[in-house]
Structures are given as structure tokens and as C-alpha cells.
Amino acid sequence: MDDKNQNSEEEKKEENAVKEKSFTFAVRCVKLYMYLKEQKREYDMSRQLLRSGTSIGANVREGLLAQSRADFLSKMSIAKKEAGETEYWLELLEAGGILKPEETQSMLKHCRELIKLLVSICRSTGPRNF
């Protein structure tokens, strides 16, 4: 198998992984939002977390249906930014004492895995200096 075909197969594996992980993460964000709203009576940061956390998967899905490589890269870059924002809200919820570290640990790990995956996709898709 030549390098071009091997790279294409690796990109497909990353795309499937990011699609699955981002959807699972979005479901977890919805559940966390509901918990924060109902149990902690926290409305503002939880809503921000919901928006950014679910936006990751929405942008990934749009990117997978992109009309061009540039469109794909744009959507994956937006998903990466949304993942960074979500990480921020999770850290803030913990630092503010709304969530305990053991409540955010798994979500932060999942979010950081998504960020790494999206960074890898953007680097392998974009210009060499990206």
C-alpha cells in the first residue's frame, strides 16, 4: 500500500473516531446540563457548556459532509475551538465549586481527547504550517 492510500485510511479512522466521540460527548454534555440545572440550580454556565459541548459534534458532522477540503478544515477547526471552550467551562465549573473534581475528571478527559483528535485532523488536513 502506498503512502497516499495509507494516509487516506488513517484519516478515515480519525474521522469515524471523532464522529463517535463527539456524539457521545454531546450526550454527556446534555446530561450534565440537566444535572446542573435541576440539582445545582446553575443556569448560565451550564447553558454555555451545553452550547459549546454539543456544537463540537454538529461541526464534525457538517465537516464530514463538506463540499471541499477547505470546508472540511474550516468545520473541524470550529469544532476544535468549541472543544477548547467546553474545556474552559468544565474547568470553571470545577474552580467555582459548582462541580467537584471527581465530577469533572471524566468529562475533562473526554474533552481533551477530542481536542487532541481534532488538532491531529486539522494538522493532517491543513497547510503544512497550520
N, C-alpha and C. Protein backbone atom coordinates (compact mmCIF):
# COMPACT_ATOMS: atom_id res chain seq x y z
N MET A 1 0.84 -1.17 0.00
CA MET A 1 0.00 0.00 0.00
C MET A 1 0.89 1.24 0.00
N ASP A 2 0.58 2.20 -0.88
CA ASP A 2 1.42 3.38 -0.91
C ASP A 2 1.02 4.36 0.20
N ASP A 3 1.87 5.37 0.40
CA ASP A 3 1.69 6.32 1.49
C ASP A 3 0.37 7.09 1.37
N LYS A 4 -0.03 7.43 0.15
CA LYS A 4 -1.25 8.20 -0.05
C LYS A 4 -2.48 7.40 0.40
N ASN A 5 -2.55 6.13 0.04
CA ASN A 5 -3.67 5.29 0.45
C ASN A 5 -3.66 5.05 1.96
N GLN A 6 -2.46 4.88 2.51
CA GLN A 6 -2.34 4.66 3.95
C GLN A 6 -2.81 5.90 4.71
N ASN A 7 -2.41 7.08 4.25
CA ASN A 7 -2.85 8.33 4.89
C ASN A 7 -4.36 8.47 4.80
N SER A 8 -4.94 8.11 3.67
CA SER A 8 -6.38 8.22 3.48
C SER A 8 -7.11 7.29 4.46
N GLU A 9 -6.61 6.08 4.64
CA GLU A 9 -7.22 5.15 5.58
C GLU A 9 -7.10 5.65 7.02
N GLU A 10 -5.96 6.23 7.37
CA GLU A 10 -5.77 6.78 8.71
C GLU A 10 -6.71 7.95 8.95
N GLU A 11 -6.90 8.79 7.93
CA GLU A 11 -7.82 9.92 8.05
C GLU A 11 -9.25 9.43 8.26
N LYS A 12 -9.64 8.37 7.55
CA LYS A 12 -10.98 7.82 7.71
C LYS A 12 -11.19 7.28 9.13
N LYS A 13 -10.17 6.62 9.69
CA LYS A 13 -10.27 6.11 11.06
C LYS A 13 -10.43 7.26 12.04
N GLU A 14 -9.66 8.34 11.85
CA GLU A 14 -9.76 9.51 12.71
C GLU A 14 -11.14 10.14 12.59
N GLU A 15 -11.66 10.23 11.36
CA GLU A 15 -12.97 10.83 11.13
C GLU A 15 -14.07 10.02 11.83
N ASN A 16 -14.01 8.70 11.72
CA ASN A 16 -15.01 7.86 12.40
C ASN A 16 -14.89 8.00 13.91
N ALA A 17 -13.66 8.04 14.40
CA ALA A 17 -13.44 8.17 15.85
C ALA A 17 -13.96 9.51 16.34
N VAL A 18 -13.68 10.58 15.63
CA VAL A 18 -14.12 11.90 16.08
C VAL A 18 -15.65 12.02 15.98
N LYS A 19 -16.24 11.38 14.99
CA LYS A 19 -17.70 11.40 14.86
C LYS A 19 -18.34 10.70 16.06
N GLU A 20 -17.85 9.53 16.40
CA GLU A 20 -18.41 8.77 17.53
C GLU A 20 -18.13 9.45 18.85
N LYS A 21 -16.89 9.89 19.07
CA LYS A 21 -16.52 10.51 20.34
C LYS A 21 -17.25 11.84 20.55
N SER A 22 -17.41 12.61 19.49
CA SER A 22 -18.09 13.91 19.64
C SER A 22 -19.58 13.72 19.92
N PHE A 23 -20.19 12.70 19.34
CA PHE A 23 -21.60 12.44 19.63
C PHE A 23 -21.79 11.97 21.07
N THR A 24 -20.95 11.04 21.50
CA THR A 24 -21.02 10.55 22.88
C THR A 24 -20.78 11.69 23.86
N PHE A 25 -19.83 12.55 23.53
CA PHE A 25 -19.55 13.69 24.40
C PHE A 25 -20.74 14.65 24.45
N ALA A 26 -21.40 14.87 23.32
CA ALA A 26 -22.58 15.75 23.29
C ALA A 26 -23.68 15.20 24.20
N VAL A 27 -23.89 13.89 24.15
CA VAL A 27 -24.90 13.28 25.03
C VAL A 27 -24.52 13.51 26.49
N ARG A 28 -23.26 13.35 26.80
CA ARG A 28 -22.80 13.58 28.18
C ARG A 28 -22.99 15.04 28.59
N CYS A 29 -22.78 15.96 27.67
CA CYS A 29 -22.99 17.38 27.96
C CYS A 29 -24.46 17.68 28.22
N VAL A 30 -25.35 17.06 27.46
CA VAL A 30 -26.79 17.24 27.68
C VAL A 30 -27.16 16.75 29.08
N LYS A 31 -26.66 15.59 29.44
CA LYS A 31 -26.97 15.03 30.76
C LYS A 31 -26.38 15.89 31.88
N LEU A 32 -25.17 16.39 31.68
CA LEU A 32 -24.56 17.25 32.69
C LEU A 32 -25.34 18.56 32.81
N TYR A 33 -25.76 19.10 31.69
CA TYR A 33 -26.58 20.32 31.69
C TYR A 33 -27.85 20.10 32.51
N MET A 34 -28.52 19.00 32.29
CA MET A 34 -29.75 18.70 33.01
C MET A 34 -29.48 18.58 34.51
N TYR A 35 -28.38 17.92 34.87
CA TYR A 35 -27.99 17.77 36.27
C TYR A 35 -27.71 19.14 36.90
N LEU A 36 -26.93 19.95 36.20
CA LEU A 36 -26.58 21.27 36.73
C LEU A 36 -27.82 22.14 36.91
N LYS A 37 -28.71 22.08 35.96
CA LYS A 37 -29.92 22.90 36.01
C LYS A 37 -30.85 22.43 37.13
N GLU A 38 -31.07 21.13 37.20
CA GLU A 38 -32.05 20.59 38.14
C GLU A 38 -31.50 20.43 39.56
N GLN A 39 -30.28 19.96 39.71
CA GLN A 39 -29.74 19.66 41.03
C GLN A 39 -28.94 20.82 41.62
N LYS A 40 -28.22 21.53 40.80
CA LYS A 40 -27.34 22.59 41.30
C LYS A 40 -27.94 23.98 41.10
N ARG A 41 -29.03 24.05 40.36
CA ARG A 41 -29.68 25.32 40.05
C ARG A 41 -28.70 26.32 39.41
N GLU A 42 -27.87 25.79 38.53
CA GLU A 42 -26.89 26.60 37.82
C GLU A 42 -27.36 26.70 36.37
N TYR A 43 -27.62 27.92 35.91
CA TYR A 43 -28.24 28.08 34.61
C TYR A 43 -27.32 28.68 33.55
N ASP A 44 -26.51 29.65 33.91
CA ASP A 44 -25.74 30.37 32.90
C ASP A 44 -24.57 29.57 32.35
N MET A 45 -23.69 29.12 33.23
CA MET A 45 -22.53 28.35 32.75
C MET A 45 -22.96 27.01 32.17
N SER A 46 -23.99 26.42 32.73
CA SER A 46 -24.46 25.13 32.21
C SER A 46 -24.99 25.28 30.79
N ARG A 47 -25.64 26.40 30.52
CA ARG A 47 -26.15 26.64 29.17
C ARG A 47 -24.99 26.84 28.19
N GLN A 48 -23.95 27.55 28.64
CA GLN A 48 -22.76 27.74 27.79
C GLN A 48 -22.09 26.40 27.49
N LEU A 49 -21.98 25.58 28.53
CA LEU A 49 -21.40 24.24 28.37
C LEU A 49 -22.22 23.42 27.37
N LEU A 50 -23.53 23.47 27.50
CA LEU A 50 -24.41 22.74 26.58
C LEU A 50 -24.19 23.19 25.14
N ARG A 51 -24.14 24.49 24.94
CA ARG A 51 -23.98 25.02 23.58
C ARG A 51 -22.64 24.63 22.96
N SER A 52 -21.57 24.86 23.70
CA SER A 52 -20.26 24.56 23.12
C SER A 52 -20.02 23.05 23.01
N GLY A 53 -20.48 22.30 24.01
CA GLY A 53 -20.26 20.85 24.01
C GLY A 53 -21.00 20.11 22.91
N THR A 54 -22.20 20.59 22.59
CA THR A 54 -22.96 19.95 21.51
C THR A 54 -22.55 20.48 20.14
N SER A 55 -21.98 21.67 20.11
CA SER A 55 -21.52 22.26 18.86
C SER A 55 -20.34 21.50 18.26
N ILE A 56 -19.56 20.86 19.11
CA ILE A 56 -18.41 20.09 18.62
C ILE A 56 -18.89 19.05 17.61
N GLY A 57 -19.82 18.22 18.04
CA GLY A 57 -20.34 17.16 17.19
C GLY A 57 -21.07 17.68 15.96
N ALA A 58 -21.80 18.78 16.14
CA ALA A 58 -22.53 19.35 15.00
C ALA A 58 -21.56 19.81 13.91
N ASN A 59 -20.47 20.43 14.32
CA ASN A 59 -19.47 20.87 13.34
C ASN A 59 -18.72 19.71 12.73
N VAL A 60 -18.46 18.68 13.51
CA VAL A 60 -17.82 17.48 12.96
C VAL A 60 -18.72 16.88 11.89
N ARG A 61 -20.01 16.74 12.18
CA ARG A 61 -20.93 16.18 11.19
C ARG A 61 -20.97 17.02 9.92
N GLU A 62 -21.02 18.34 10.08
CA GLU A 62 -21.01 19.21 8.91
C GLU A 62 -19.72 19.02 8.12
N GLY A 63 -18.61 18.92 8.84
CA GLY A 63 -17.32 18.74 8.18
C GLY A 63 -17.24 17.46 7.39
N LEU A 64 -17.83 16.39 7.93
CA LEU A 64 -17.79 15.10 7.23
C LEU A 64 -18.62 15.12 5.95
N LEU A 65 -19.49 16.10 5.84
CA LEU A 65 -20.30 16.26 4.62
C LEU A 65 -19.85 17.47 3.81
N ALA A 66 -18.63 17.92 4.07
CA ALA A 66 -18.11 19.12 3.43
C ALA A 66 -18.03 18.99 1.92
N GLN A 67 -18.12 20.14 1.27
CA GLN A 67 -18.05 20.17 -0.19
C GLN A 67 -16.62 20.28 -0.70
N SER A 68 -15.71 20.62 0.18
CA SER A 68 -14.31 20.75 -0.23
C SER A 68 -13.41 20.50 0.96
N ARG A 69 -12.13 20.34 0.67
CA ARG A 69 -11.14 20.15 1.74
C ARG A 69 -11.09 21.38 2.65
N ALA A 70 -11.20 22.57 2.05
CA ALA A 70 -11.18 23.82 2.82
C ALA A 70 -12.40 23.89 3.74
N ASP A 71 -13.55 23.48 3.24
CA ASP A 71 -14.78 23.47 4.04
C ASP A 71 -14.63 22.47 5.20
N PHE A 72 -14.07 21.30 4.90
CA PHE A 72 -13.83 20.28 5.93
C PHE A 72 -12.92 20.84 7.02
N LEU A 73 -11.81 21.45 6.62
CA LEU A 73 -10.86 22.02 7.57
C LEU A 73 -11.51 23.12 8.40
N SER A 74 -12.31 23.94 7.78
CA SER A 74 -13.00 25.01 8.49
C SER A 74 -13.90 24.46 9.59
N LYS A 75 -14.69 23.45 9.26
CA LYS A 75 -15.61 22.86 10.25
C LYS A 75 -14.86 22.15 11.37
N MET A 76 -13.79 21.46 11.03
CA MET A 76 -13.00 20.78 12.06
C MET A 76 -12.30 21.80 12.96
N SER A 77 -11.88 22.91 12.39
CA SER A 77 -11.25 23.97 13.19
C SER A 77 -12.26 24.60 14.15
N ILE A 78 -13.47 24.79 13.67
CA ILE A 78 -14.52 25.33 14.55
C ILE A 78 -14.82 24.34 15.67
N ALA A 79 -14.89 23.06 15.33
CA ALA A 79 -15.13 22.02 16.35
C ALA A 79 -14.02 22.04 17.39
N LYS A 80 -12.79 22.22 16.94
CA LYS A 80 -11.63 22.29 17.86
C LYS A 80 -11.77 23.49 18.80
N LYS A 81 -12.17 24.63 18.28
CA LYS A 81 -12.37 25.82 19.11
C LYS A 81 -13.49 25.60 20.13
N GLU A 82 -14.57 24.97 19.69
CA GLU A 82 -15.70 24.69 20.59
C GLU A 82 -15.27 23.72 21.69
N ALA A 83 -14.41 22.78 21.36
CA ALA A 83 -13.91 21.84 22.37
C ALA A 83 -13.06 22.58 23.39
N GLY A 84 -12.26 23.53 22.94
CA GLY A 84 -11.48 24.34 23.85
C GLY A 84 -12.36 25.17 24.77
N GLU A 85 -13.42 25.71 24.23
CA GLU A 85 -14.36 26.48 25.05
C GLU A 85 -15.05 25.58 26.07
N THR A 86 -15.42 24.40 25.65
CA THR A 86 -16.07 23.45 26.56
C THR A 86 -15.14 23.08 27.71
N GLU A 87 -13.88 22.86 27.38
CA GLU A 87 -12.88 22.56 28.41
C GLU A 87 -12.85 23.71 29.43
N TYR A 88 -12.90 24.94 28.94
CA TYR A 88 -12.90 26.11 29.80
C TYR A 88 -14.10 26.10 30.76
N TRP A 89 -15.30 25.84 30.25
CA TRP A 89 -16.50 25.84 31.10
C TRP A 89 -16.43 24.73 32.15
N LEU A 90 -15.92 23.58 31.77
CA LEU A 90 -15.77 22.50 32.74
C LEU A 90 -14.79 22.88 33.85
N GLU A 91 -13.67 23.47 33.45
CA GLU A 91 -12.68 23.90 34.44
C GLU A 91 -13.26 24.99 35.35
N LEU A 92 -14.03 25.90 34.78
CA LEU A 92 -14.64 26.98 35.55
C LEU A 92 -15.69 26.45 36.54
N LEU A 93 -16.49 25.49 36.09
CA LEU A 93 -17.48 24.89 36.98
C LEU A 93 -16.81 24.21 38.17
N GLU A 94 -15.66 23.61 37.91
CA GLU A 94 -14.91 22.97 38.99
C GLU A 94 -14.26 24.02 39.90
N ALA A 95 -13.58 24.99 39.30
CA ALA A 95 -12.89 26.01 40.08
C ALA A 95 -13.86 26.85 40.91
N GLY A 96 -15.07 27.02 40.41
CA GLY A 96 -16.09 27.78 41.12
C GLY A 96 -16.80 26.99 42.20
N GLY A 97 -16.44 25.73 42.35
CA GLY A 97 -17.04 24.90 43.39
C GLY A 97 -18.42 24.36 43.07
N ILE A 98 -18.85 24.53 41.85
CA ILE A 98 -20.17 24.03 41.45
C ILE A 98 -20.10 22.53 41.23
N LEU A 99 -19.00 22.07 40.65
CA LEU A 99 -18.77 20.65 40.48
C LEU A 99 -17.49 20.27 41.22
N LYS A 100 -17.49 19.08 41.76
CA LYS A 100 -16.30 18.56 42.44
C LYS A 100 -15.34 18.01 41.38
N PRO A 101 -14.03 17.98 41.72
CA PRO A 101 -13.06 17.45 40.75
C PRO A 101 -13.43 16.06 40.24
N GLU A 102 -13.93 15.20 41.11
CA GLU A 102 -14.31 13.85 40.66
C GLU A 102 -15.51 13.87 39.71
N GLU A 103 -16.28 14.97 39.73
CA GLU A 103 -17.41 15.09 38.80
C GLU A 103 -16.97 15.60 37.44
N THR A 104 -15.87 16.30 37.38
CA THR A 104 -15.41 16.85 36.09
C THR A 104 -14.30 16.02 35.45
N GLN A 105 -13.64 15.19 36.23
CA GLN A 105 -12.46 14.45 35.75
C GLN A 105 -12.72 13.69 34.44
N SER A 106 -13.77 12.91 34.41
CA SER A 106 -14.07 12.09 33.23
C SER A 106 -14.46 12.95 32.03
N MET A 107 -15.24 13.99 32.29
CA MET A 107 -15.66 14.89 31.20
C MET A 107 -14.45 15.63 30.62
N LEU A 108 -13.58 16.10 31.50
CA LEU A 108 -12.39 16.81 31.03
C LEU A 108 -11.49 15.87 30.22
N LYS A 109 -11.35 14.65 30.65
CA LYS A 109 -10.54 13.68 29.92
C LYS A 109 -11.12 13.45 28.53
N HIS A 110 -12.42 13.25 28.45
CA HIS A 110 -13.11 13.03 27.18
C HIS A 110 -12.93 14.25 26.27
N CYS A 111 -13.11 15.44 26.84
CA CYS A 111 -12.97 16.67 26.07
C CYS A 111 -11.55 16.84 25.54
N ARG A 112 -10.57 16.55 26.37
CA ARG A 112 -9.17 16.70 25.95
C ARG A 112 -8.79 15.68 24.88
N GLU A 113 -9.39 14.50 24.92
CA GLU A 113 -9.17 13.51 23.87
C GLU A 113 -9.71 14.03 22.54
N LEU A 114 -10.89 14.66 22.60
CA LEU A 114 -11.46 15.26 21.39
C LEU A 114 -10.56 16.36 20.85
N ILE A 115 -10.06 17.19 21.73
CA ILE A 115 -9.17 18.27 21.29
C ILE A 115 -7.95 17.70 20.58
N LYS A 116 -7.33 16.69 21.17
CA LYS A 116 -6.15 16.07 20.54
C LYS A 116 -6.49 15.50 19.17
N LEU A 117 -7.61 14.84 19.08
CA LEU A 117 -8.04 14.24 17.82
C LEU A 117 -8.30 15.32 16.77
N LEU A 118 -8.97 16.39 17.17
CA LEU A 118 -9.27 17.47 16.23
C LEU A 118 -8.01 18.22 15.81
N VAL A 119 -7.08 18.40 16.73
CA VAL A 119 -5.79 19.02 16.38
C VAL A 119 -5.09 18.16 15.33
N SER A 120 -5.08 16.86 15.54
CA SER A 120 -4.44 15.94 14.60
C SER A 120 -5.10 16.01 13.22
N ILE A 121 -6.42 16.02 13.20
CA ILE A 121 -7.15 16.10 11.93
C ILE A 121 -6.84 17.41 11.23
N CYS A 122 -6.84 18.51 11.96
CA CYS A 122 -6.56 19.81 11.35
C CYS A 122 -5.14 19.87 10.81
N ARG A 123 -4.20 19.32 11.55
CA ARG A 123 -2.80 19.33 11.09
C ARG A 123 -2.62 18.49 9.84
N SER A 124 -3.26 17.33 9.81
CA SER A 124 -3.08 16.44 8.66
C SER A 124 -3.85 16.92 7.44
N THR A 125 -4.85 17.77 7.64
CA THR A 125 -5.68 18.26 6.54
C THR A 125 -5.19 19.59 5.99
N GLY A 126 -4.76 20.44 6.90
CA GLY A 126 -4.43 21.81 6.52
C GLY A 126 -3.07 21.98 5.94
N PRO A 127 -2.73 23.24 5.68
CA PRO A 127 -1.41 23.56 5.17
C PRO A 127 -0.34 23.07 6.14
N ARG A 128 0.81 22.83 5.65
CA ARG A 128 1.90 22.26 6.45
C ARG A 128 2.27 23.14 7.64
N ASN A 129 2.03 24.43 7.56
CA ASN A 129 2.39 25.32 8.66
C ASN A 129 1.20 25.59 9.60
N PHE A 130 0.14 24.86 9.46
CA PHE A 130 -1.06 25.06 10.29
C PHE A 130 -0.84 24.61 11.69
